[in-house]
Amino acid sequence: MIELIIVTAVIGFLFTITAVSLKNFFAPTAQDTAETILATLKFGYNNALLNNKTVFFNLDFDKQEYFLTRIERDEEGIREERISGTKKLPFNNKIYTAVDFSGKKISEETLKIPYTHDGTSIDYTLLVGEIEEIKKSIQIYRYGGRIVIANGEKVRTSSKELQKVDYGIDLREDDNSQNNANRY
């Protein structure tokens, strides 16, 4: 009887692990989707540095798919060449919007995020979610190819409350220099 209980417990444990794995296989989580997008962005960054050319991460919000292109120059001019296949987002995950560093939201048509020949990009946050709920934020930093996946909706924008720095006055150019100098 004890052996039967142990065998049943082991089978139940294995079934639980298998069910969770199969769920992720058939319906990837937002974390899986974010990591796949991160891998594509990193590939674009590395490709731009290695080939000394500008690479674009192209995102189509309407079709919910993305791919990479590279700028090629030849005798005929400038053209974009695909360097990755088109990847469609899973049915249960979606990129709802992209927010740039100024706070502008983009959620329609297409978005192109460049990586220049020196790896410089644009600060963006991509909001990824499952069924009308944002689960992950992919934060793309301008310099160094840094990309961070954060939980929930964490948008990086410039602060409008930045304190203005006053470096003083060049006293040689002001007649009222003593009065202005006393302000500081």
N, C-alpha and C. Protein backbone atom coordinates (compact mmCIF):
# COMPACT_ATOMS: atom_id res chain seq x y z
N MET A 1 0.81 -1.19 0.00
CA MET A 1 0.00 0.00 0.00
C MET A 1 0.86 1.27 0.00
N ILE A 2 1.93 1.27 0.78
CA ILE A 2 2.83 2.41 0.84
C ILE A 2 3.50 2.63 -0.52
N GLU A 3 3.89 1.52 -1.15
CA GLU A 3 4.51 1.63 -2.47
C GLU A 3 3.54 2.24 -3.48
N LEU A 4 2.29 1.89 -3.39
CA LEU A 4 1.27 2.43 -4.30
C LEU A 4 1.10 3.93 -4.08
N ILE A 5 1.13 4.38 -2.84
CA ILE A 5 1.00 5.80 -2.52
C ILE A 5 2.22 6.56 -3.06
N ILE A 6 3.42 6.00 -2.88
CA ILE A 6 4.64 6.66 -3.35
C ILE A 6 4.64 6.74 -4.88
N VAL A 7 4.27 5.67 -5.55
CA VAL A 7 4.23 5.67 -7.01
C VAL A 7 3.20 6.69 -7.50
N THR A 8 2.05 6.76 -6.87
CA THR A 8 1.00 7.72 -7.26
C THR A 8 1.50 9.15 -7.06
N ALA A 9 2.20 9.42 -5.96
CA ALA A 9 2.73 10.76 -5.69
C ALA A 9 3.77 11.14 -6.74
N VAL A 10 4.65 10.22 -7.09
CA VAL A 10 5.68 10.50 -8.10
C VAL A 10 5.03 10.75 -9.46
N ILE A 11 4.06 9.95 -9.84
CA ILE A 11 3.36 10.15 -11.12
C ILE A 11 2.63 11.49 -11.11
N GLY A 12 2.00 11.85 -10.00
CA GLY A 12 1.32 13.15 -9.89
C GLY A 12 2.30 14.31 -10.03
N PHE A 13 3.47 14.18 -9.38
CA PHE A 13 4.50 15.21 -9.48
C PHE A 13 4.99 15.37 -10.91
N LEU A 14 5.28 14.26 -11.56
CA LEU A 14 5.73 14.30 -12.96
C LEU A 14 4.66 14.87 -13.88
N PHE A 15 3.41 14.54 -13.63
CA PHE A 15 2.31 15.06 -14.44
C PHE A 15 2.21 16.57 -14.28
N THR A 16 2.38 17.08 -13.06
CA THR A 16 2.33 18.52 -12.81
C THR A 16 3.44 19.25 -13.57
N ILE A 17 4.64 18.72 -13.50
CA ILE A 17 5.76 19.33 -14.21
C ILE A 17 5.52 19.30 -15.72
N THR A 18 5.03 18.18 -16.23
CA THR A 18 4.76 18.05 -17.66
C THR A 18 3.65 19.00 -18.10
N ALA A 19 2.62 19.15 -17.29
CA ALA A 19 1.51 20.04 -17.65
C ALA A 19 1.97 21.49 -17.73
N VAL A 20 2.80 21.93 -16.80
CA VAL A 20 3.32 23.30 -16.82
C VAL A 20 4.21 23.50 -18.05
N SER A 21 5.05 22.52 -18.34
CA SER A 21 5.92 22.62 -19.51
C SER A 21 5.12 22.65 -20.80
N LEU A 22 4.10 21.82 -20.90
CA LEU A 22 3.27 21.81 -22.10
C LEU A 22 2.49 23.11 -22.25
N LYS A 23 2.05 23.68 -21.13
CA LYS A 23 1.34 24.96 -21.20
C LYS A 23 2.25 26.03 -21.79
N ASN A 24 3.50 26.08 -21.33
CA ASN A 24 4.46 27.05 -21.86
C ASN A 24 4.82 26.75 -23.31
N PHE A 25 4.76 25.48 -23.70
CA PHE A 25 5.06 25.12 -25.08
C PHE A 25 3.95 25.59 -26.02
N PHE A 26 2.72 25.41 -25.62
CA PHE A 26 1.60 25.79 -26.47
C PHE A 26 1.21 27.25 -26.33
N ALA A 27 1.37 27.82 -25.16
CA ALA A 27 1.01 29.21 -24.92
C ALA A 27 2.14 29.87 -24.12
N PRO A 28 3.14 30.45 -24.81
CA PRO A 28 4.27 31.07 -24.11
C PRO A 28 3.82 32.22 -23.20
N THR A 29 4.54 32.39 -22.13
CA THR A 29 4.23 33.47 -21.20
C THR A 29 4.79 34.78 -21.73
N ALA A 30 4.43 35.87 -21.07
CA ALA A 30 4.95 37.18 -21.44
C ALA A 30 6.47 37.23 -21.23
N GLN A 31 6.96 36.52 -20.24
CA GLN A 31 8.41 36.46 -20.00
C GLN A 31 9.11 35.79 -21.18
N ASP A 32 8.55 34.69 -21.68
CA ASP A 32 9.13 34.01 -22.84
C ASP A 32 9.15 34.93 -24.06
N THR A 33 8.05 35.63 -24.28
CA THR A 33 7.96 36.55 -25.41
C THR A 33 8.97 37.68 -25.27
N ALA A 34 9.08 38.25 -24.07
CA ALA A 34 10.02 39.35 -23.82
C ALA A 34 11.46 38.89 -24.04
N GLU A 35 11.79 37.68 -23.62
CA GLU A 35 13.14 37.17 -23.81
C GLU A 35 13.45 36.91 -25.29
N THR A 36 12.46 36.47 -26.06
CA THR A 36 12.66 36.28 -27.50
C THR A 36 12.90 37.62 -28.19
N ILE A 37 12.13 38.64 -27.82
CA ILE A 37 12.33 39.98 -28.38
C ILE A 37 13.69 40.53 -27.97
N LEU A 38 14.07 40.33 -26.71
CA LEU A 38 15.37 40.77 -26.22
C LEU A 38 16.49 40.12 -27.03
N ALA A 39 16.39 38.83 -27.33
CA ALA A 39 17.41 38.14 -28.12
C ALA A 39 17.52 38.75 -29.52
N THR A 40 16.39 39.10 -30.12
CA THR A 40 16.40 39.71 -31.45
C THR A 40 17.04 41.09 -31.39
N LEU A 41 16.71 41.88 -30.37
CA LEU A 41 17.31 43.21 -30.21
C LEU A 41 18.83 43.11 -30.01
N LYS A 42 19.27 42.17 -29.19
CA LYS A 42 20.71 41.97 -28.96
C LYS A 42 21.41 41.56 -30.25
N PHE A 43 20.75 40.70 -31.04
CA PHE A 43 21.32 40.29 -32.32
C PHE A 43 21.47 41.50 -33.23
N GLY A 44 20.47 42.37 -33.26
CA GLY A 44 20.54 43.59 -34.07
C GLY A 44 21.67 44.49 -33.62
N TYR A 45 21.83 44.66 -32.32
CA TYR A 45 22.90 45.49 -31.77
C TYR A 45 24.28 44.94 -32.17
N ASN A 46 24.47 43.63 -31.96
CA ASN A 46 25.74 43.00 -32.28
C ASN A 46 26.03 43.06 -33.78
N ASN A 47 25.00 42.87 -34.60
CA ASN A 47 25.15 42.90 -36.05
C ASN A 47 25.58 44.30 -36.50
N ALA A 48 25.00 45.33 -35.90
CA ALA A 48 25.37 46.71 -36.25
C ALA A 48 26.83 46.98 -35.93
N LEU A 49 27.29 46.51 -34.78
CA LEU A 49 28.69 46.71 -34.40
C LEU A 49 29.65 45.91 -35.27
N LEU A 50 29.32 44.65 -35.51
CA LEU A 50 30.23 43.78 -36.27
C LEU A 50 30.36 44.19 -37.73
N ASN A 51 29.25 44.64 -38.33
CA ASN A 51 29.26 44.98 -39.75
C ASN A 51 29.45 46.46 -40.01
N ASN A 52 29.50 47.26 -38.93
CA ASN A 52 29.68 48.70 -39.06
C ASN A 52 28.59 49.32 -39.94
N LYS A 53 27.35 48.87 -39.73
CA LYS A 53 26.21 49.35 -40.51
C LYS A 53 25.01 49.54 -39.58
N THR A 54 24.07 50.36 -40.02
CA THR A 54 22.86 50.60 -39.23
C THR A 54 21.89 49.43 -39.40
N VAL A 55 21.35 48.97 -38.27
CA VAL A 55 20.38 47.88 -38.26
C VAL A 55 19.10 48.40 -37.62
N PHE A 56 17.95 48.05 -38.21
CA PHE A 56 16.66 48.46 -37.68
C PHE A 56 15.90 47.27 -37.13
N PHE A 57 15.30 47.44 -35.94
CA PHE A 57 14.32 46.51 -35.40
C PHE A 57 12.97 47.05 -35.87
N ASN A 58 12.31 46.33 -36.77
CA ASN A 58 11.04 46.76 -37.35
C ASN A 58 9.90 46.05 -36.64
N LEU A 59 8.96 46.81 -36.10
CA LEU A 59 7.82 46.26 -35.37
C LEU A 59 6.54 46.72 -36.03
N ASP A 60 5.70 45.79 -36.43
CA ASP A 60 4.40 46.09 -37.02
C ASP A 60 3.33 45.82 -35.96
N PHE A 61 2.73 46.91 -35.44
CA PHE A 61 1.73 46.77 -34.39
C PHE A 61 0.46 46.09 -34.88
N ASP A 62 0.06 46.36 -36.12
CA ASP A 62 -1.18 45.79 -36.64
C ASP A 62 -1.08 44.28 -36.81
N LYS A 63 0.03 43.81 -37.36
CA LYS A 63 0.21 42.37 -37.60
C LYS A 63 0.84 41.66 -36.41
N GLN A 64 1.35 42.43 -35.44
CA GLN A 64 2.04 41.89 -34.27
C GLN A 64 3.19 40.97 -34.68
N GLU A 65 4.08 41.53 -35.52
CA GLU A 65 5.26 40.80 -35.94
C GLU A 65 6.45 41.75 -36.03
N TYR A 66 7.65 41.17 -36.02
CA TYR A 66 8.86 41.98 -36.05
C TYR A 66 9.96 41.27 -36.82
N PHE A 67 10.93 42.06 -37.31
CA PHE A 67 12.07 41.53 -38.04
C PHE A 67 13.18 42.57 -38.04
N LEU A 68 14.38 42.16 -38.46
CA LEU A 68 15.53 43.05 -38.52
C LEU A 68 15.91 43.33 -39.98
N THR A 69 16.30 44.57 -40.24
CA THR A 69 16.84 44.95 -41.55
C THR A 69 18.16 45.69 -41.33
N ARG A 70 19.00 45.67 -42.36
CA ARG A 70 20.28 46.36 -42.30
C ARG A 70 20.38 47.29 -43.50
N ILE A 71 20.95 48.46 -43.31
CA ILE A 71 21.15 49.42 -44.40
C ILE A 71 22.38 48.99 -45.20
N GLU A 72 22.18 48.81 -46.49
CA GLU A 72 23.27 48.45 -47.40
C GLU A 72 23.45 49.58 -48.40
N ARG A 73 24.69 49.91 -48.69
CA ARG A 73 25.02 50.94 -49.68
C ARG A 73 25.81 50.29 -50.80
N ASP A 74 25.41 50.57 -52.03
CA ASP A 74 26.15 50.10 -53.19
C ASP A 74 26.03 51.12 -54.32
N GLU A 75 26.45 50.74 -55.53
CA GLU A 75 26.42 51.69 -56.64
C GLU A 75 25.02 52.18 -56.97
N GLU A 76 24.03 51.37 -56.67
CA GLU A 76 22.64 51.75 -56.97
C GLU A 76 22.04 52.66 -55.92
N GLY A 77 22.67 52.79 -54.80
CA GLY A 77 22.15 53.66 -53.75
C GLY A 77 22.05 52.94 -52.41
N ILE A 78 21.09 53.39 -51.62
CA ILE A 78 20.87 52.83 -50.29
C ILE A 78 19.62 51.97 -50.32
N ARG A 79 19.72 50.80 -49.68
CA ARG A 79 18.55 49.91 -49.61
C ARG A 79 18.57 49.19 -48.27
N GLU A 80 17.40 48.71 -47.88
CA GLU A 80 17.30 47.91 -46.66
C GLU A 80 17.27 46.44 -47.03
N GLU A 81 18.06 45.66 -46.33
CA GLU A 81 18.13 44.22 -46.56
C GLU A 81 17.73 43.49 -45.28
N ARG A 82 16.85 42.54 -45.40
CA ARG A 82 16.44 41.77 -44.22
C ARG A 82 17.57 40.88 -43.76
N ILE A 83 17.77 40.85 -42.45
CA ILE A 83 18.81 39.98 -41.89
C ILE A 83 18.20 38.97 -40.92
N SER A 84 16.89 39.01 -40.75
CA SER A 84 16.21 37.99 -39.94
C SER A 84 14.85 37.72 -40.56
N GLY A 85 14.33 36.57 -40.22
CA GLY A 85 12.99 36.25 -40.68
C GLY A 85 11.95 37.01 -39.87
N THR A 86 10.74 37.06 -40.38
CA THR A 86 9.65 37.71 -39.66
C THR A 86 9.19 36.79 -38.53
N LYS A 87 9.12 37.35 -37.33
CA LYS A 87 8.66 36.58 -36.17
C LYS A 87 7.31 37.14 -35.73
N LYS A 88 6.34 36.28 -35.67
CA LYS A 88 5.00 36.68 -35.23
C LYS A 88 4.88 36.43 -33.74
N LEU A 89 4.27 37.38 -33.04
CA LEU A 89 4.08 37.21 -31.60
C LEU A 89 3.03 36.12 -31.35
N PRO A 90 3.16 35.38 -30.25
CA PRO A 90 2.18 34.33 -29.93
C PRO A 90 0.78 34.92 -29.78
N PHE A 91 -0.23 34.09 -29.98
CA PHE A 91 -1.62 34.54 -29.94
C PHE A 91 -2.01 35.13 -28.59
N ASN A 92 -1.38 34.69 -27.52
CA ASN A 92 -1.78 35.16 -26.20
C ASN A 92 -0.93 36.32 -25.68
N ASN A 93 0.05 36.76 -26.45
CA ASN A 93 0.90 37.89 -26.06
C ASN A 93 0.85 38.96 -27.13
N LYS A 94 1.06 40.20 -26.71
CA LYS A 94 0.98 41.32 -27.63
C LYS A 94 1.89 42.43 -27.13
N ILE A 95 2.47 43.18 -28.08
CA ILE A 95 3.16 44.42 -27.72
C ILE A 95 2.10 45.50 -27.85
N TYR A 96 1.66 46.03 -26.73
CA TYR A 96 0.57 47.00 -26.73
C TYR A 96 1.00 48.37 -27.22
N THR A 97 2.15 48.81 -26.74
CA THR A 97 2.60 50.15 -27.11
C THR A 97 4.11 50.26 -26.91
N ALA A 98 4.69 51.25 -27.55
CA ALA A 98 6.09 51.61 -27.34
C ALA A 98 6.09 53.06 -26.87
N VAL A 99 6.90 53.35 -25.88
CA VAL A 99 6.98 54.70 -25.33
C VAL A 99 8.42 55.16 -25.45
N ASP A 100 8.61 56.33 -26.10
CA ASP A 100 9.97 56.85 -26.21
C ASP A 100 10.32 57.64 -24.95
N PHE A 101 11.53 58.15 -24.88
CA PHE A 101 12.03 58.79 -23.67
C PHE A 101 11.29 60.08 -23.34
N SER A 102 10.68 60.70 -24.35
CA SER A 102 9.92 61.94 -24.10
C SER A 102 8.52 61.64 -23.60
N GLY A 103 8.10 60.37 -23.62
CA GLY A 103 6.78 59.98 -23.15
C GLY A 103 5.78 59.78 -24.27
N LYS A 104 6.19 59.95 -25.51
CA LYS A 104 5.29 59.77 -26.65
C LYS A 104 5.00 58.29 -26.85
N LYS A 105 3.71 57.96 -26.97
CA LYS A 105 3.29 56.57 -27.14
C LYS A 105 3.03 56.26 -28.60
N ILE A 106 3.50 55.12 -29.04
CA ILE A 106 3.29 54.64 -30.40
C ILE A 106 2.64 53.27 -30.30
N SER A 107 1.47 53.11 -30.89
CA SER A 107 0.80 51.82 -30.83
C SER A 107 0.08 51.47 -32.13
N GLU A 108 0.38 52.20 -33.18
CA GLU A 108 -0.25 51.93 -34.47
C GLU A 108 0.81 51.86 -35.55
N GLU A 109 0.46 51.22 -36.64
CA GLU A 109 1.32 51.10 -37.82
C GLU A 109 2.63 50.42 -37.49
N THR A 110 3.76 51.03 -37.84
CA THR A 110 5.05 50.39 -37.63
C THR A 110 6.00 51.28 -36.84
N LEU A 111 6.98 50.65 -36.25
CA LEU A 111 8.01 51.34 -35.48
C LEU A 111 9.35 50.79 -35.92
N LYS A 112 10.32 51.68 -36.11
CA LYS A 112 11.68 51.27 -36.45
C LYS A 112 12.61 51.78 -35.37
N ILE A 113 13.28 50.86 -34.70
CA ILE A 113 14.25 51.22 -33.68
C ILE A 113 15.64 50.96 -34.26
N PRO A 114 16.44 52.01 -34.46
CA PRO A 114 17.75 51.83 -35.10
C PRO A 114 18.85 51.47 -34.10
N TYR A 115 19.82 50.72 -34.60
CA TYR A 115 21.12 50.56 -33.94
C TYR A 115 22.13 51.03 -34.97
N THR A 116 22.81 52.12 -34.69
CA THR A 116 23.77 52.67 -35.64
C THR A 116 25.06 51.85 -35.63
N HIS A 117 25.97 52.20 -36.50
CA HIS A 117 27.24 51.47 -36.63
C HIS A 117 28.05 51.44 -35.33
N ASP A 118 27.82 52.42 -34.44
CA ASP A 118 28.53 52.43 -33.16
C ASP A 118 27.68 51.86 -32.02
N GLY A 119 26.51 51.29 -32.36
CA GLY A 119 25.66 50.66 -31.35
C GLY A 119 24.69 51.59 -30.66
N THR A 120 24.68 52.87 -31.03
CA THR A 120 23.76 53.81 -30.41
C THR A 120 22.34 53.54 -30.91
N SER A 121 21.38 53.65 -30.01
CA SER A 121 19.98 53.40 -30.36
C SER A 121 19.14 54.58 -29.90
N ILE A 122 17.87 54.32 -29.65
CA ILE A 122 16.95 55.32 -29.11
C ILE A 122 16.32 54.71 -27.87
N ASP A 123 16.14 55.52 -26.83
CA ASP A 123 15.50 55.04 -25.60
C ASP A 123 14.04 54.74 -25.88
N TYR A 124 13.65 53.47 -25.71
CA TYR A 124 12.27 53.06 -25.87
C TYR A 124 11.91 52.07 -24.77
N THR A 125 10.62 52.00 -24.47
CA THR A 125 10.10 50.96 -23.61
C THR A 125 8.98 50.28 -24.37
N LEU A 126 9.09 48.96 -24.56
CA LEU A 126 8.05 48.17 -25.22
C LEU A 126 7.22 47.49 -24.13
N LEU A 127 5.91 47.68 -24.18
CA LEU A 127 5.03 47.10 -23.17
C LEU A 127 4.38 45.83 -23.72
N VAL A 128 4.72 44.70 -23.09
CA VAL A 128 4.28 43.38 -23.54
C VAL A 128 3.28 42.83 -22.52
N GLY A 129 2.21 42.22 -23.02
CA GLY A 129 1.23 41.69 -22.09
C GLY A 129 0.45 40.53 -22.63
N GLU A 130 -0.40 40.04 -21.74
CA GLU A 130 -1.30 38.93 -22.05
C GLU A 130 -2.72 39.40 -21.83
N ILE A 131 -3.54 39.34 -22.84
CA ILE A 131 -4.98 39.63 -22.77
C ILE A 131 -5.27 40.89 -21.95
N GLU A 132 -4.94 42.03 -22.52
CA GLU A 132 -5.24 43.36 -21.96
C GLU A 132 -4.56 43.66 -20.63
N GLU A 133 -3.52 42.93 -20.28
CA GLU A 133 -2.78 43.21 -19.05
C GLU A 133 -1.29 43.25 -19.36
N ILE A 134 -0.65 44.36 -19.06
CA ILE A 134 0.78 44.49 -19.32
C ILE A 134 1.54 43.74 -18.24
N LYS A 135 2.33 42.76 -18.69
CA LYS A 135 3.09 41.91 -17.76
C LYS A 135 4.57 42.28 -17.70
N LYS A 136 5.14 42.70 -18.85
CA LYS A 136 6.57 42.97 -18.92
C LYS A 136 6.82 44.27 -19.67
N SER A 137 7.90 44.93 -19.28
CA SER A 137 8.38 46.13 -19.97
C SER A 137 9.79 45.85 -20.45
N ILE A 138 10.01 46.02 -21.75
CA ILE A 138 11.35 45.85 -22.32
C ILE A 138 11.93 47.24 -22.49
N GLN A 139 12.92 47.56 -21.68
CA GLN A 139 13.52 48.90 -21.69
C GLN A 139 14.79 48.87 -22.52
N ILE A 140 14.78 49.64 -23.61
CA ILE A 140 15.92 49.73 -24.52
C ILE A 140 16.66 51.03 -24.20
N TYR A 141 17.92 50.92 -23.87
CA TYR A 141 18.71 52.09 -23.53
C TYR A 141 19.47 52.59 -24.76
N ARG A 142 19.73 53.87 -24.79
CA ARG A 142 20.36 54.51 -25.95
C ARG A 142 21.79 54.03 -26.20
N TYR A 143 22.56 53.86 -25.14
CA TYR A 143 23.98 53.55 -25.29
C TYR A 143 24.31 52.16 -24.74
N GLY A 144 25.29 51.54 -25.35
CA GLY A 144 25.86 50.31 -24.82
C GLY A 144 25.06 49.05 -25.07
N GLY A 145 23.98 49.12 -25.83
CA GLY A 145 23.19 47.93 -26.12
C GLY A 145 22.47 47.35 -24.92
N ARG A 146 22.30 48.16 -23.89
CA ARG A 146 21.65 47.68 -22.67
C ARG A 146 20.15 47.55 -22.89
N ILE A 147 19.61 46.38 -22.55
CA ILE A 147 18.18 46.10 -22.64
C ILE A 147 17.79 45.38 -21.35
N VAL A 148 16.73 45.85 -20.71
CA VAL A 148 16.30 45.30 -19.43
C VAL A 148 14.83 44.88 -19.54
N ILE A 149 14.52 43.72 -19.00
CA ILE A 149 13.13 43.29 -18.91
C ILE A 149 12.68 43.52 -17.47
N ALA A 150 11.63 44.34 -17.32
CA ALA A 150 11.10 44.65 -15.99
C ALA A 150 9.69 44.08 -15.86
N ASN A 151 9.30 43.76 -14.64
CA ASN A 151 7.95 43.27 -14.39
C ASN A 151 6.96 44.42 -14.40
N GLY A 152 5.80 44.20 -14.99
CA GLY A 152 4.75 45.22 -15.00
C GLY A 152 5.03 46.34 -15.96
N GLU A 153 4.34 47.45 -15.76
CA GLU A 153 4.47 48.61 -16.64
C GLU A 153 5.45 49.59 -16.02
N LYS A 154 6.70 49.52 -16.47
CA LYS A 154 7.75 50.42 -15.98
C LYS A 154 8.30 51.17 -17.18
N VAL A 155 7.84 52.39 -17.37
CA VAL A 155 8.22 53.20 -18.52
C VAL A 155 9.31 54.18 -18.10
N ARG A 156 10.38 54.22 -18.87
CA ARG A 156 11.46 55.18 -18.64
C ARG A 156 11.20 56.42 -19.49
N THR A 157 11.01 57.55 -18.85
CA THR A 157 10.84 58.82 -19.56
C THR A 157 11.68 59.88 -18.88
N SER A 158 11.89 60.96 -19.60
CA SER A 158 12.64 62.07 -19.00
C SER A 158 11.73 62.75 -17.99
N SER A 159 12.32 63.22 -16.93
CA SER A 159 11.55 63.89 -15.89
C SER A 159 11.33 65.34 -16.29
N LYS A 160 10.09 65.78 -16.22
CA LYS A 160 9.79 67.18 -16.52
C LYS A 160 10.09 68.07 -15.32
N GLU A 161 10.45 67.46 -14.20
CA GLU A 161 10.72 68.22 -13.00
C GLU A 161 12.22 68.38 -12.76
N LEU A 162 13.01 68.25 -13.82
CA LEU A 162 14.45 68.43 -13.64
C LEU A 162 14.74 69.86 -13.20
N GLN A 163 15.60 70.00 -12.24
CA GLN A 163 15.93 71.31 -11.73
C GLN A 163 16.90 71.98 -12.68
N LYS A 164 16.62 73.22 -13.02
CA LYS A 164 17.50 73.97 -13.90
C LYS A 164 18.77 74.33 -13.13
N VAL A 165 19.90 74.10 -13.78
CA VAL A 165 21.18 74.39 -13.15
C VAL A 165 21.62 75.77 -13.61
N ASP A 166 21.94 76.62 -12.66
CA ASP A 166 22.40 77.97 -12.97
C ASP A 166 23.90 78.01 -12.66
N TYR A 167 24.70 78.26 -13.66
CA TYR A 167 26.14 78.27 -13.49
C TYR A 167 26.68 79.66 -13.14
N GLY A 168 25.80 80.61 -12.90
CA GLY A 168 26.24 81.94 -12.53
C GLY A 168 26.38 82.84 -13.74
N ILE A 169 26.93 83.98 -13.52
CA ILE A 169 27.04 84.99 -14.56
C ILE A 169 28.51 85.31 -14.77
N ASP A 170 28.86 85.54 -16.02
CA ASP A 170 30.21 86.02 -16.31
C ASP A 170 30.24 87.49 -15.91
N LEU A 171 30.91 87.78 -14.83
CA LEU A 171 30.89 89.12 -14.26
C LEU A 171 31.51 90.18 -15.16
N ARG A 172 32.29 89.77 -16.13
CA ARG A 172 32.91 90.75 -17.03
C ARG A 172 31.91 91.36 -17.99
N GLU A 173 30.79 90.71 -18.25
CA GLU A 173 29.85 91.19 -19.26
C GLU A 173 28.67 91.94 -18.66
N ASP A 174 28.58 92.06 -17.35
CA ASP A 174 27.40 92.63 -16.74
C ASP A 174 27.78 93.90 -15.98
N ASP A 175 27.06 95.00 -16.24
CA ASP A 175 27.31 96.26 -15.52
C ASP A 175 26.91 96.14 -14.06
N ASN A 176 25.86 95.41 -13.79
CA ASN A 176 25.33 95.26 -12.46
C ASN A 176 25.91 94.02 -11.79
N SER A 177 27.16 93.75 -11.98
CA SER A 177 27.73 92.50 -11.57
C SER A 177 27.65 92.27 -10.06
N GLN A 178 27.82 93.28 -9.27
CA GLN A 178 27.80 93.11 -7.82
C GLN A 178 26.40 92.70 -7.37
N ASN A 179 25.35 93.30 -7.91
CA ASN A 179 23.98 92.94 -7.52
C ASN A 179 23.66 91.50 -7.91
N ASN A 180 24.05 91.09 -9.11
CA ASN A 180 23.78 89.73 -9.55
C ASN A 180 24.61 88.72 -8.80
N ALA A 181 25.82 89.08 -8.43
CA ALA A 181 26.68 88.16 -7.70
C ALA A 181 26.11 87.88 -6.31
N ASN A 182 25.42 88.85 -5.74
CA ASN A 182 24.83 88.65 -4.42
C ASN A 182 23.65 87.67 -4.43
N ARG A 183 23.05 87.44 -5.61
CA ARG A 183 21.94 86.50 -5.69
C ARG A 183 22.39 85.08 -5.37
N TYR A 184 23.61 84.78 -5.64
CA TYR A 184 24.09 83.40 -5.48
C TYR A 184 24.76 83.27 -4.16
